[in-house]
């Protein structure tokens, strides 16, 4: 997938994310790293807030995990990261 609109970078994990997720900071950080190493190789960072949580959990992440050949731990970490990132406001485009 690619996009014609302005892309933005996947937000790095910050300590304040503990309020956004039940996952630990190390798991969220692992999710970010795996996302950058695997997911970002094939497509730009897509705002996860554009997708329903049920779609991410039930359809999107399982399909993407299979395509990326993620093990269960990395798949869970990326899912935790994406679900937390859904709650981060998208930065305004630079002009």
Protein backbone atom coordinates (compact mmCIF):
# COMPACT_ATOMS: atom_id res chain seq x y z
CA UNK A 1 0.00 0.00 0.00
CA UNK A 2 1.14 3.49 -0.68
CA UNK A 3 -0.35 6.90 -0.26
CA UNK A 4 -0.48 10.03 -2.37
CA UNK A 5 -1.01 12.25 0.67
CA UNK A 6 1.67 13.41 3.06
CA UNK A 7 2.97 10.58 5.18
CA UNK A 8 4.10 10.95 8.71
CA UNK A 9 6.47 8.90 10.77
CA UNK A 10 5.46 6.22 13.22
CA UNK A 11 5.62 7.87 16.63
CA UNK A 12 8.35 6.54 18.93
CA UNK A 13 7.23 5.19 22.28
CA UNK A 14 7.32 7.61 25.19
CA UNK A 15 6.80 7.04 28.89
CA UNK A 16 3.35 8.68 28.70
CA UNK A 17 2.22 5.68 26.64
CA UNK A 18 1.73 3.75 29.86
CA UNK A 19 -1.61 5.58 30.12
CA UNK A 20 -2.54 4.46 26.60
CA UNK A 21 -1.89 0.74 26.90
CA UNK A 22 -1.85 -2.14 29.30
CA UNK A 23 1.33 -3.33 27.59
CA UNK A 24 4.69 -2.61 29.14
CA UNK A 25 7.00 0.06 27.77
CA UNK A 26 9.53 -2.61 26.66
CA UNK A 27 6.79 -4.46 24.73
CA UNK A 28 5.61 -1.23 23.11
CA UNK A 29 9.20 -0.32 22.23
CA UNK A 30 9.67 -3.79 20.69
CA UNK A 31 6.50 -3.22 18.70
CA UNK A 32 7.87 0.07 17.40
CA UNK A 33 11.20 -1.50 16.42
CA UNK A 34 9.55 -4.45 14.66
CA UNK A 35 7.14 -2.08 12.93
CA UNK A 36 10.06 -0.03 11.62
CA UNK A 37 12.05 -3.10 10.57
CA UNK A 38 9.24 -5.14 9.00
CA UNK A 39 6.08 -3.12 8.34
CA UNK A 40 7.73 0.09 7.13
CA UNK A 41 9.68 -1.88 4.52
CA UNK A 42 6.45 -2.49 2.58
CA UNK A 43 4.27 0.53 3.27
CA UNK A 44 4.33 3.94 4.91
CA UNK A 45 3.04 4.42 8.42
CA UNK A 46 -0.72 4.52 8.14
CA UNK A 47 -2.62 6.27 10.89
CA UNK A 48 -4.01 3.38 12.96
CA UNK A 49 -6.84 5.62 14.16
CA UNK A 50 -8.29 5.22 10.65
CA UNK A 51 -9.00 1.56 11.43
CA UNK A 52 -11.31 0.05 13.99
CA UNK A 53 -9.74 -1.76 16.91
CA UNK A 54 -11.69 -4.93 16.06
CA UNK A 55 -10.42 -4.78 12.45
CA UNK A 56 -6.83 -4.36 13.62
CA UNK A 57 -7.10 -7.25 16.07
CA UNK A 58 -9.19 -9.64 13.98
CA UNK A 59 -8.15 -9.03 10.38
CA UNK A 60 -5.36 -6.58 9.67
CA UNK A 61 -2.69 -7.61 12.17
CA UNK A 62 -3.12 -11.37 11.67
CA UNK A 63 -2.81 -10.93 7.89
CA UNK A 64 0.15 -8.57 8.15
CA UNK A 65 1.88 -10.78 10.73
CA UNK A 66 1.64 -13.76 8.37
CA UNK A 67 2.96 -11.72 5.43
CA UNK A 68 5.84 -10.40 7.53
CA UNK A 69 6.51 -13.81 9.10
CA UNK A 70 6.35 -12.38 12.62
CA UNK A 71 6.48 -14.76 15.55
CA UNK A 72 3.73 -14.57 18.16
CA UNK A 73 5.70 -12.30 20.52
CA UNK A 74 6.60 -9.77 17.82
CA UNK A 75 3.06 -9.85 16.44
CA UNK A 76 1.66 -9.12 19.90
CA UNK A 77 4.20 -6.32 20.39
CA UNK A 78 3.32 -4.65 17.08
CA UNK A 79 -0.39 -4.98 17.84
CA UNK A 80 0.09 -3.41 21.28
CA UNK A 81 2.12 -0.60 19.69
CA UNK A 82 -0.46 0.06 16.95
CA UNK A 83 -3.37 0.02 19.41
CA UNK A 84 -1.59 2.53 21.64
CA UNK A 85 -0.55 4.65 18.65
CA UNK A 86 -4.22 4.93 17.67
CA UNK A 87 -4.59 7.29 20.64
CA UNK A 88 -1.75 9.64 19.65
CA UNK A 89 -2.90 12.77 17.77
CA UNK A 90 -1.63 13.00 14.20
CA UNK A 91 0.80 15.91 13.79
CA UNK A 92 -0.27 18.77 11.56
CA UNK A 93 1.40 18.67 8.12
CA UNK A 94 4.47 20.90 7.71
CA UNK A 95 3.98 23.67 5.16
